[in-house]
């Protein structure tokens, strides 16, 4: 904040010739002199300006100089202005003592000594400039301190984000290792068992009747690993804003029926059944592969946490929007968990107890829906199942990619 280059001085006297003479005496390039012919006029000027000094004549008609000083001392805005009283009365009237009682810092008698007046005014102007410079420096220091506090807060926030990223990286590596170990161990044990049978010449286990089941077990474990790897790759692409969206005309009803059919065996293995309610066709412009991911993730979650109970999928059109809802009748989701389950690696305590997983399915699903300018939500209560609803515009440009998130191990 710049400091004013000129100091303002107030002179008060009821005689114009005295005002002219005093102004000529104290005028300087770094000062502005304001004249007031009465105490009332001085009060008006005091309300408008900040003065470095007031030189006030004591003997004025109406309100005298002492009364003006008392009013100045009674107001916060003017109480700190130095006052020099000027009087033509004899020293024997003891005006000086009364002036000091009224708040004066000095007292001058007429006729004025020019050198004394100039010297005293210079002192008070210098003091005012020093006070103003000090106040300016204090304001600058205060602003710098506030800026420093803001920078410290930003650094602390960045540190917390980095610490969170490191924890996420460690959690990610731990979960990936755990989740991949299960299908790999199963395949390894199957291979060892087959090698043992072969070494003993026991070929009955490789009969045509048993080979389909053996192949199906292997394929299931391989599919699990591929799914985990795909999830990890999708997270990496999304963190680099590189998840590709290639839209084209798609029949959502046909796509939903294909996904349900593909998951029929998985549903049977879970002891569940999938019912689909969809129109003959529902056409829109989307990325078919990504929307298939969305439908598959929602149905897979419903089968995983549905407790072997039926799963319902409904596909319908609502105005210019396609709506897909998937409902299960399983463990449900507590209200406090419903927002965070759409973040990466987030899972509820119940879900950890019922099924393994990286906690990426719903995160990937939300990202894909966002990139299609759609919305996803959940309605649920603990122990009462869950209904996930996705709404996708039938037409429109895909949403712009989000700003990159804090880097983690997956990035």
Protein backbone atom coordinates (compact mmCIF):
# COMPACT_ATOMS: atom_id res chain seq x y z
CA UNK A 1 0.00 0.00 0.00
CA UNK A 2 1.69 3.28 -1.05
CA UNK A 3 2.38 5.99 1.52
CA UNK A 4 0.96 9.47 0.84
CA UNK A 5 3.77 11.77 -0.32
CA UNK A 6 2.15 14.82 1.32
CA UNK A 7 1.20 15.41 4.94
CA UNK A 8 -1.97 17.33 5.70
CA UNK A 9 -1.90 20.21 8.18
CA UNK A 10 -4.95 21.97 9.66
CA UNK A 11 -4.81 25.61 10.78
CA UNK A 12 -7.79 27.13 12.61
CA UNK A 13 -8.24 30.86 13.20
CA UNK A 14 -11.17 33.25 12.90
CA UNK A 15 -8.99 35.94 11.27
CA UNK A 16 -8.24 35.31 7.55
CA UNK A 17 -5.03 37.35 7.66
CA UNK A 18 -3.68 35.09 10.43
CA UNK A 19 -4.51 32.04 8.38
CA UNK A 20 -2.72 33.44 5.33
CA UNK A 21 0.34 34.38 7.34
CA UNK A 22 0.56 31.00 9.09
CA UNK A 23 0.04 29.08 5.85
CA UNK A 24 2.82 31.02 4.18
CA UNK A 25 5.07 30.17 7.10
CA UNK A 26 4.53 26.40 7.22
CA UNK A 27 3.86 25.65 3.54
CA UNK A 28 6.24 23.12 1.92
CA UNK A 29 6.18 20.82 -1.16
CA UNK A 30 5.50 17.76 0.98
CA UNK A 31 2.51 19.33 2.79
CA UNK A 32 -1.09 20.30 2.14
CA UNK A 33 -2.42 23.08 4.35
CA UNK A 34 -6.17 23.28 5.07
CA UNK A 35 -7.63 26.49 6.54
CA UNK A 36 -10.68 26.70 8.81
CA UNK A 37 -12.20 30.03 9.94
CA UNK A 38 -14.06 28.50 12.88
CA UNK A 39 -14.11 25.43 15.13
CA UNK A 40 -17.21 24.17 13.32
CA UNK A 41 -15.46 24.38 9.92
CA UNK A 42 -12.47 22.58 11.44
CA UNK A 43 -14.69 19.70 12.61
CA UNK A 44 -16.02 19.27 9.07
CA UNK A 45 -12.49 19.04 7.69
CA UNK A 46 -11.48 16.61 10.44
CA UNK A 47 -14.24 14.24 9.32
CA UNK A 48 -12.92 14.23 5.73
CA UNK A 49 -9.13 14.15 6.10
CA UNK A 50 -6.34 12.57 8.10
CA UNK A 51 -4.16 15.36 9.50
CA UNK A 52 -0.59 15.16 10.73
CA UNK A 53 -0.99 18.25 12.90
CA UNK A 54 -3.59 20.86 13.94
CA UNK A 55 -2.59 24.45 14.82
CA UNK A 56 -5.56 25.99 16.62
CA UNK A 57 -6.16 29.56 17.78
CA UNK A 58 -7.51 29.63 21.32
CA UNK A 59 -9.68 32.74 21.19
CA UNK A 60 -12.42 32.30 18.59
CA UNK A 61 -16.08 33.36 18.67
CA UNK A 62 -18.52 30.57 19.35
CA UNK A 63 -16.61 27.37 20.07
CA UNK A 64 -13.11 28.27 21.24
CA UNK A 65 -9.91 26.30 20.65
CA UNK A 66 -10.04 24.42 23.97
CA UNK A 67 -13.57 23.20 23.30
CA UNK A 68 -12.54 22.07 19.81
CA UNK A 69 -9.60 20.16 21.32
CA UNK A 70 -11.87 18.42 23.83
CA UNK A 71 -14.21 17.33 21.03
CA UNK A 72 -11.23 16.05 19.04
CA UNK A 73 -10.02 14.04 22.02
CA UNK A 74 -13.46 12.52 22.44
CA UNK A 75 -13.50 10.98 18.94
CA UNK A 76 -11.45 7.92 17.98
CA UNK A 77 -10.73 9.27 14.50
CA UNK A 78 -9.17 12.54 15.75
CA UNK A 79 -7.94 11.89 19.29
CA UNK A 80 -4.37 11.11 18.17
CA UNK A 81 -3.86 14.27 16.08
CA UNK A 82 -1.22 16.52 17.75
CA UNK A 83 -2.55 20.00 18.60
CA UNK A 84 -0.52 23.20 18.92
CA UNK A 85 -2.45 26.07 20.50
CA UNK A 86 -1.81 29.68 19.48
CA UNK A 87 -2.91 32.63 21.64
CA UNK A 88 -2.47 36.39 21.63
CA UNK A 89 -3.39 36.59 25.31
CA UNK A 90 -0.77 37.44 27.88
CA UNK A 91 1.17 34.69 29.55
CA UNK A 92 -0.31 35.70 32.89
CA UNK A 93 -3.71 34.20 31.91
CA UNK A 94 -2.12 30.77 32.17
CA UNK A 95 -3.71 29.62 28.87
CA UNK A 96 -0.82 27.26 28.32
CA UNK A 97 -1.74 25.17 31.36
CA UNK A 98 -5.38 24.95 30.24
CA UNK A 99 -4.22 24.05 26.75
CA UNK A 100 -2.14 21.16 27.96
CA UNK A 101 -5.08 19.94 30.03
CA UNK A 102 -7.18 19.98 26.83
CA UNK A 103 -4.67 17.75 25.07
CA UNK A 104 -2.23 20.13 23.46
CA UNK A 105 1.29 19.00 22.69
CA UNK A 106 2.62 22.55 22.53
CA UNK A 107 1.59 26.16 23.09
CA UNK A 108 2.70 29.24 21.11
CA UNK A 109 2.19 32.91 21.92
CA UNK A 110 1.66 35.68 19.43
CA UNK A 111 3.52 37.29 17.85
CA UNK A 112 4.84 33.98 16.57
CA UNK A 113 8.54 33.24 16.22
CA UNK A 114 8.82 31.98 12.60
CA UNK A 115 11.84 29.81 13.32
CA UNK A 116 10.13 28.19 16.33
CA UNK A 117 6.94 27.55 14.36
CA UNK A 118 8.74 26.01 11.40
CA UNK A 119 10.93 23.88 13.67
CA UNK A 120 7.99 22.52 15.66
CA UNK A 121 5.91 21.80 12.55
CA UNK A 122 8.86 19.97 10.98
CA UNK A 123 9.19 17.76 14.05
CA UNK A 124 5.51 16.76 14.05
CA UNK A 125 5.44 16.18 10.29
CA UNK A 126 8.50 13.93 10.58
CA UNK A 127 6.89 12.02 13.45
CA UNK A 128 3.71 11.58 11.42
CA UNK A 129 5.63 10.29 8.40
CA UNK A 130 7.60 7.88 10.57
CA UNK A 131 4.39 6.59 12.19
CA UNK A 132 2.79 6.17 8.82
CA UNK A 133 5.84 4.38 7.42
CA UNK A 134 5.90 2.11 10.47
CA UNK A 135 2.19 1.34 10.06
CA UNK A 136 2.79 0.59 6.39
CA UNK A 137 5.67 -1.76 7.27
CA UNK A 138 3.50 -3.52 9.86
CA UNK A 139 0.75 -4.00 7.28
CA UNK A 140 3.28 -5.41 4.83
CA UNK A 141 4.63 -7.75 7.50
CA UNK A 142 1.10 -8.84 8.39
CA UNK A 143 0.33 -9.51 4.72
CA UNK A 144 3.59 -11.43 4.34
CA UNK A 145 2.75 -13.44 7.46
CA UNK A 146 -0.68 -14.30 6.09
CA UNK A 147 0.89 -15.31 2.79
CA UNK A 148 3.42 -17.43 4.63
CA UNK A 149 0.63 -19.13 6.58
CA UNK A 150 -1.19 -19.85 3.31
CA UNK A 151 1.97 -21.36 1.82
CA UNK A 152 2.49 -23.47 4.94
CA UNK A 153 -1.08 -24.73 4.70
CA UNK A 154 -0.57 -25.54 1.01
CA UNK A 155 2.64 -27.39 1.81
CA UNK A 156 0.92 -29.32 4.58
CA UNK A 157 -1.93 -30.19 2.23
CA UNK A 158 0.56 -31.34 -0.42
CA UNK A 159 2.43 -33.37 2.17
CA UNK A 160 -0.79 -35.06 3.28
CA UNK A 161 -1.66 -35.80 -0.34
CA UNK A 162 1.78 -37.31 -0.94
CA UNK A 163 1.51 -39.38 2.22
CA UNK A 164 -1.91 -40.54 1.08
CA UNK A 165 -0.49 -41.41 -2.35
CA UNK A 166 2.27 -43.48 -0.73
CA UNK A 167 -0.27 -45.30 1.43
CA UNK A 168 -2.45 -45.94 -1.63
CA UNK A 169 0.57 -47.26 -3.51
CA UNK A 170 1.42 -49.62 -0.67
CA UNK A 171 -2.21 -50.72 -0.35
CA UNK A 172 -2.41 -51.17 -4.11
CA UNK A 173 0.67 -53.37 -4.26
CA UNK A 174 -0.47 -55.36 -1.26
CA UNK A 175 -3.94 -55.97 -2.71
CA UNK A 176 -2.64 -56.80 -6.17
CA UNK A 177 -0.19 -59.30 -4.72
CA UNK A 178 -2.90 -60.87 -2.61
CA UNK A 179 -5.53 -61.01 -5.33
CA UNK A 180 -3.21 -62.39 -8.02
CA UNK A 181 -1.75 -64.96 -5.66
CA UNK A 182 -5.07 -66.76 -5.27
CA UNK A 183 -5.66 -67.75 -8.93
CA UNK A 184 -1.93 -68.29 -9.51
CA UNK A 185 -1.70 -70.65 -6.53
CA UNK A 186 -4.74 -72.54 -7.76
CA UNK A 187 -3.24 -72.99 -11.23
CA UNK A 188 0.11 -73.97 -9.74
CA UNK A 189 -1.47 -76.60 -7.49
CA UNK A 190 -3.54 -77.95 -10.40
CA UNK A 191 -0.39 -78.22 -12.51
CA UNK A 192 1.48 -80.03 -9.72
CA UNK A 193 -1.42 -82.43 -9.22
CA UNK A 194 -1.56 -83.24 -12.93
CA UNK A 195 2.19 -83.75 -13.03
CA UNK A 196 1.86 -86.16 -10.10
CA UNK A 197 -0.87 -88.13 -11.90
CA UNK A 198 1.21 -88.27 -15.06
CA UNK A 199 4.33 -89.42 -13.19
CA UNK A 200 2.31 -92.28 -11.69
CA UNK A 201 0.71 -93.15 -15.00
CA UNK A 202 -2.74 -92.29 -13.67
CA UNK A 203 -4.40 -91.15 -16.91
CA UNK A 204 -7.95 -91.58 -15.72
CA UNK A 205 -7.99 -87.97 -14.60
CA UNK A 206 -7.32 -86.91 -18.18
CA UNK A 207 -10.22 -88.82 -19.68
CA UNK A 208 -12.46 -86.98 -22.19
CA UNK A 209 -15.19 -86.82 -19.57
CA UNK A 210 -12.99 -84.95 -17.08
CA UNK A 211 -11.12 -82.65 -19.47
CA UNK A 212 -13.96 -80.08 -19.94
CA UNK A 213 -14.24 -79.51 -16.18
CA UNK A 214 -10.46 -79.27 -15.91
CA UNK A 215 -10.29 -76.73 -18.73
CA UNK A 216 -13.17 -74.76 -17.25
CA UNK A 217 -11.36 -74.51 -13.88
CA UNK A 218 -8.22 -73.24 -15.61
CA UNK A 219 -10.16 -70.76 -17.70
CA UNK A 220 -11.96 -69.45 -14.66
CA UNK A 221 -8.70 -68.74 -12.85
CA UNK A 222 -7.19 -67.17 -15.98
CA UNK A 223 -10.29 -65.00 -16.42
CA UNK A 224 -9.92 -63.82 -12.82
CA UNK A 225 -6.31 -62.81 -13.40
CA UNK A 226 -7.13 -61.10 -16.70
CA UNK A 227 -9.92 -59.19 -14.98
CA UNK A 228 -7.57 -58.01 -12.22
CA UNK A 229 -4.95 -56.93 -14.75
CA UNK A 230 -7.57 -55.13 -16.84
CA UNK A 231 -8.76 -53.26 -13.77
CA UNK A 232 -5.23 -52.18 -12.94
CA UNK A 233 -4.60 -51.02 -16.51
CA UNK A 234 -7.85 -49.05 -16.55
CA UNK A 235 -6.87 -47.27 -13.34
CA UNK A 236 -3.48 -46.41 -14.86
CA UNK A 237 -5.11 -45.03 -18.02
CA UNK A 238 -7.59 -42.97 -16.05
CA UNK A 239 -4.85 -41.43 -13.93
CA UNK A 240 -3.11 -40.33 -17.12
CA UNK A 241 -6.41 -39.13 -18.62
CA UNK A 242 -5.76 -41.73 -21.32
CA UNK A 243 -8.91 -43.84 -20.97
CA UNK A 244 -10.17 -43.90 -24.54
CA UNK A 245 -13.83 -43.24 -25.33
CA UNK A 246 -14.88 -44.11 -28.88
CA UNK A 247 -18.59 -43.47 -29.35
CA UNK A 248 -20.82 -44.96 -32.00
CA UNK A 249 -24.51 -45.94 -32.31
CA UNK A 250 -25.26 -48.71 -29.80
CA UNK A 251 -28.40 -50.65 -28.93
CA UNK A 252 -28.29 -50.73 -25.14
CA UNK A 253 -31.06 -53.32 -24.89
CA UNK A 254 -29.19 -55.77 -27.11
CA UNK A 255 -25.95 -55.10 -25.21
CA UNK A 256 -27.66 -55.73 -21.86
CA UNK A 257 -29.08 -59.06 -23.05
CA UNK A 258 -25.61 -60.14 -24.24
CA UNK A 259 -23.99 -59.23 -20.90
CA UNK A 260 -26.65 -61.11 -18.94
CA UNK A 261 -26.14 -64.18 -21.13
CA UNK A 262 -22.37 -64.00 -20.68
CA UNK A 263 -22.79 -63.96 -16.90
CA UNK A 264 -25.34 -66.79 -16.81
CA UNK A 265 -22.82 -69.42 -15.69
CA UNK A 266 -21.31 -67.10 -13.09
CA UNK A 267 -24.81 -66.50 -11.72
CA UNK A 268 -25.47 -70.23 -11.53
CA UNK A 269 -22.17 -70.72 -9.68
CA UNK A 270 -23.26 -68.07 -7.18
CA UNK A 271 -26.61 -69.81 -6.75
CA UNK A 272 -28.38 -66.79 -8.13
CA UNK A 273 -30.44 -65.85 -11.17
CA UNK A 274 -30.44 -62.68 -13.28
CA UNK A 275 -33.69 -61.28 -14.59
CA UNK A 276 -33.67 -58.59 -17.27
CA UNK A 277 -36.43 -56.14 -18.13
CA UNK A 278 -35.61 -54.20 -21.30
CA UNK A 279 -37.41 -52.82 -24.36
CA UNK A 280 -36.95 -54.38 -27.79
CA UNK A 281 -34.36 -51.72 -28.53
CA UNK A 282 -32.89 -48.62 -26.93
CA UNK A 283 -30.47 -46.80 -29.19
CA UNK A 284 -27.94 -44.17 -28.22
CA UNK A 285 -24.42 -43.00 -28.93
CA UNK A 286 -21.88 -44.47 -26.52
CA UNK A 287 -18.65 -46.42 -26.33
CA UNK A 288 -19.98 -49.98 -26.58
CA UNK A 289 -16.94 -51.60 -24.96
CA UNK A 290 -16.94 -49.21 -21.99
CA UNK A 291 -20.69 -49.45 -21.43
CA UNK A 292 -20.34 -53.24 -21.48
CA UNK A 293 -17.76 -52.78 -18.70
CA UNK A 294 -20.30 -50.76 -16.72
CA UNK A 295 -23.04 -53.38 -17.05
CA UNK A 296 -20.64 -56.23 -16.28
CA UNK A 297 -19.22 -54.49 -13.19
CA UNK A 298 -22.68 -53.76 -11.79
CA UNK A 299 -23.95 -57.30 -12.37
CA UNK A 300 -20.74 -58.91 -11.09
CA UNK A 301 -20.95 -56.83 -7.89
CA UNK A 302 -24.60 -57.78 -7.46
CA UNK A 303 -23.78 -61.49 -7.83
CA UNK A 304 -20.76 -61.21 -5.53
CA UNK A 305 -22.58 -59.50 -2.67
CA UNK A 306 -26.14 -60.67 -3.37
CA UNK A 307 -26.02 -63.67 -1.06
CA UNK A 308 -27.22 -66.09 -3.74
CA UNK A 309 -30.53 -64.23 -4.13
CA UNK A 310 -32.03 -63.08 -7.46
CA UNK A 311 -30.53 -60.07 -9.23
CA UNK A 312 -32.72 -57.74 -11.29
CA UNK A 313 -31.61 -55.51 -14.16
CA UNK A 314 -33.95 -52.94 -15.70
CA UNK A 315 -33.14 -51.01 -18.88
CA UNK A 316 -35.48 -48.17 -19.85
CA UNK A 317 -35.67 -44.80 -21.55
CA UNK A 318 -36.61 -41.61 -19.70
CA UNK A 319 -36.85 -38.69 -22.11
CA UNK A 320 -33.44 -38.13 -23.64
CA UNK A 321 -31.76 -40.44 -21.14
CA UNK A 322 -31.17 -44.17 -20.94
CA UNK A 323 -31.49 -45.57 -17.42
CA UNK A 324 -30.03 -48.85 -16.20
CA UNK A 325 -30.70 -50.12 -12.69
CA UNK A 326 -29.28 -53.25 -11.07
CA UNK A 327 -30.77 -54.49 -7.82
CA UNK A 328 -29.59 -57.26 -5.52
CA UNK A 329 -31.01 -58.55 -2.27
CA UNK A 330 -27.78 -59.06 -0.40
CA UNK A 331 -25.82 -57.45 2.40
CA UNK A 332 -26.56 -53.86 1.36
CA UNK A 333 -24.49 -50.73 1.93
CA UNK A 334 -24.63 -48.51 5.00
CA UNK A 335 -25.44 -44.80 4.28
CA UNK A 336 -22.02 -43.63 5.47
CA UNK A 337 -20.31 -45.93 2.94
CA UNK A 338 -22.39 -45.04 -0.13
CA UNK A 339 -20.23 -42.13 -1.31
CA UNK A 340 -16.78 -43.61 -0.77
CA UNK A 341 -17.44 -46.98 -2.48
CA UNK A 342 -17.07 -45.15 -5.82
CA UNK A 343 -13.44 -44.26 -4.96
CA UNK A 344 -10.53 -46.51 -5.82
CA UNK A 345 -9.61 -49.33 -3.42
CA UNK A 346 -12.62 -48.50 -1.24
CA UNK A 347 -14.67 -51.38 0.11
CA UNK A 348 -17.05 -51.74 3.05
CA UNK A 349 -16.27 -53.96 6.01
CA UNK A 350 -19.12 -56.29 5.02
CA UNK A 351 -17.81 -56.60 1.46
CA UNK A 352 -14.34 -57.55 2.70
CA UNK A 353 -15.87 -60.35 4.72
CA UNK A 354 -18.01 -61.69 1.87
CA UNK A 355 -15.79 -61.46 -1.21
CA UNK A 356 -12.28 -60.65 -2.38
CA UNK A 357 -11.48 -57.86 -4.82
CA UNK A 358 -9.38 -54.78 -5.42
CA UNK A 359 -12.18 -52.32 -4.82
CA UNK A 360 -11.79 -50.90 -8.33
CA UNK A 361 -14.97 -52.01 -10.10
CA UNK A 362 -17.23 -49.16 -8.98
CA UNK A 363 -14.41 -46.62 -9.31
CA UNK A 364 -13.90 -47.62 -12.95
CA UNK A 365 -17.64 -47.68 -13.52
CA UNK A 366 -18.05 -44.13 -12.18
CA UNK A 367 -15.20 -42.85 -14.33
CA UNK A 368 -16.70 -44.38 -17.48
CA UNK A 369 -20.13 -42.94 -16.68
CA UNK A 370 -18.58 -39.51 -16.03
CA UNK A 371 -16.78 -39.62 -19.39
CA UNK A 372 -20.17 -40.22 -21.03
CA UNK A 373 -21.57 -37.14 -19.21
CA UNK A 374 -23.83 -39.47 -17.22
CA UNK A 375 -24.62 -40.06 -13.56
CA UNK A 376 -24.42 -43.03 -11.21
CA UNK A 377 -25.96 -43.45 -7.77
CA UNK A 378 -26.94 -46.06 -5.22
CA UNK A 379 -29.91 -46.60 -2.93
CA UNK A 380 -29.35 -49.06 -0.12
CA UNK A 381 -29.40 -49.85 3.55
CA UNK A 382 -27.30 -52.35 5.46
CA UNK A 383 -28.85 -55.83 5.18
CA UNK A 384 -31.48 -54.75 2.65
CA UNK A 385 -29.72 -55.10 -0.69
CA UNK A 386 -28.68 -52.31 -3.04
CA UNK A 387 -29.93 -50.68 -6.23
CA UNK A 388 -27.35 -49.03 -8.50
CA UNK A 389 -28.72 -46.66 -11.13
CA UNK A 390 -26.86 -45.32 -14.16
CA UNK A 391 -28.24 -42.57 -16.39
CA UNK A 392 -26.67 -41.92 -19.80
CA UNK A 393 -27.61 -39.19 -22.30
CA UNK A 394 -28.79 -40.77 -25.56
CA UNK A 395 -26.88 -38.15 -27.57
CA UNK A 396 -24.13 -35.68 -26.81
CA UNK A 397 -20.40 -35.25 -26.67
CA UNK A 398 -18.42 -37.17 -24.06
CA UNK A 399 -17.42 -35.17 -21.02
CA UNK A 400 -13.93 -33.67 -20.91
CA UNK A 401 -11.40 -35.74 -18.96
CA UNK A 402 -10.91 -34.75 -15.35
CA UNK A 403 -7.73 -33.07 -14.10
CA UNK A 404 -5.05 -35.59 -13.13
CA UNK A 405 -5.29 -36.88 -9.58
CA UNK A 406 -2.48 -37.17 -7.09
CA UNK A 407 -0.07 -39.80 -8.46
CA UNK A 408 -0.17 -43.18 -6.80
CA UNK A 409 1.40 -46.53 -7.48
CA UNK A 410 -1.12 -47.22 -10.22
CA UNK A 411 -0.16 -44.08 -12.15
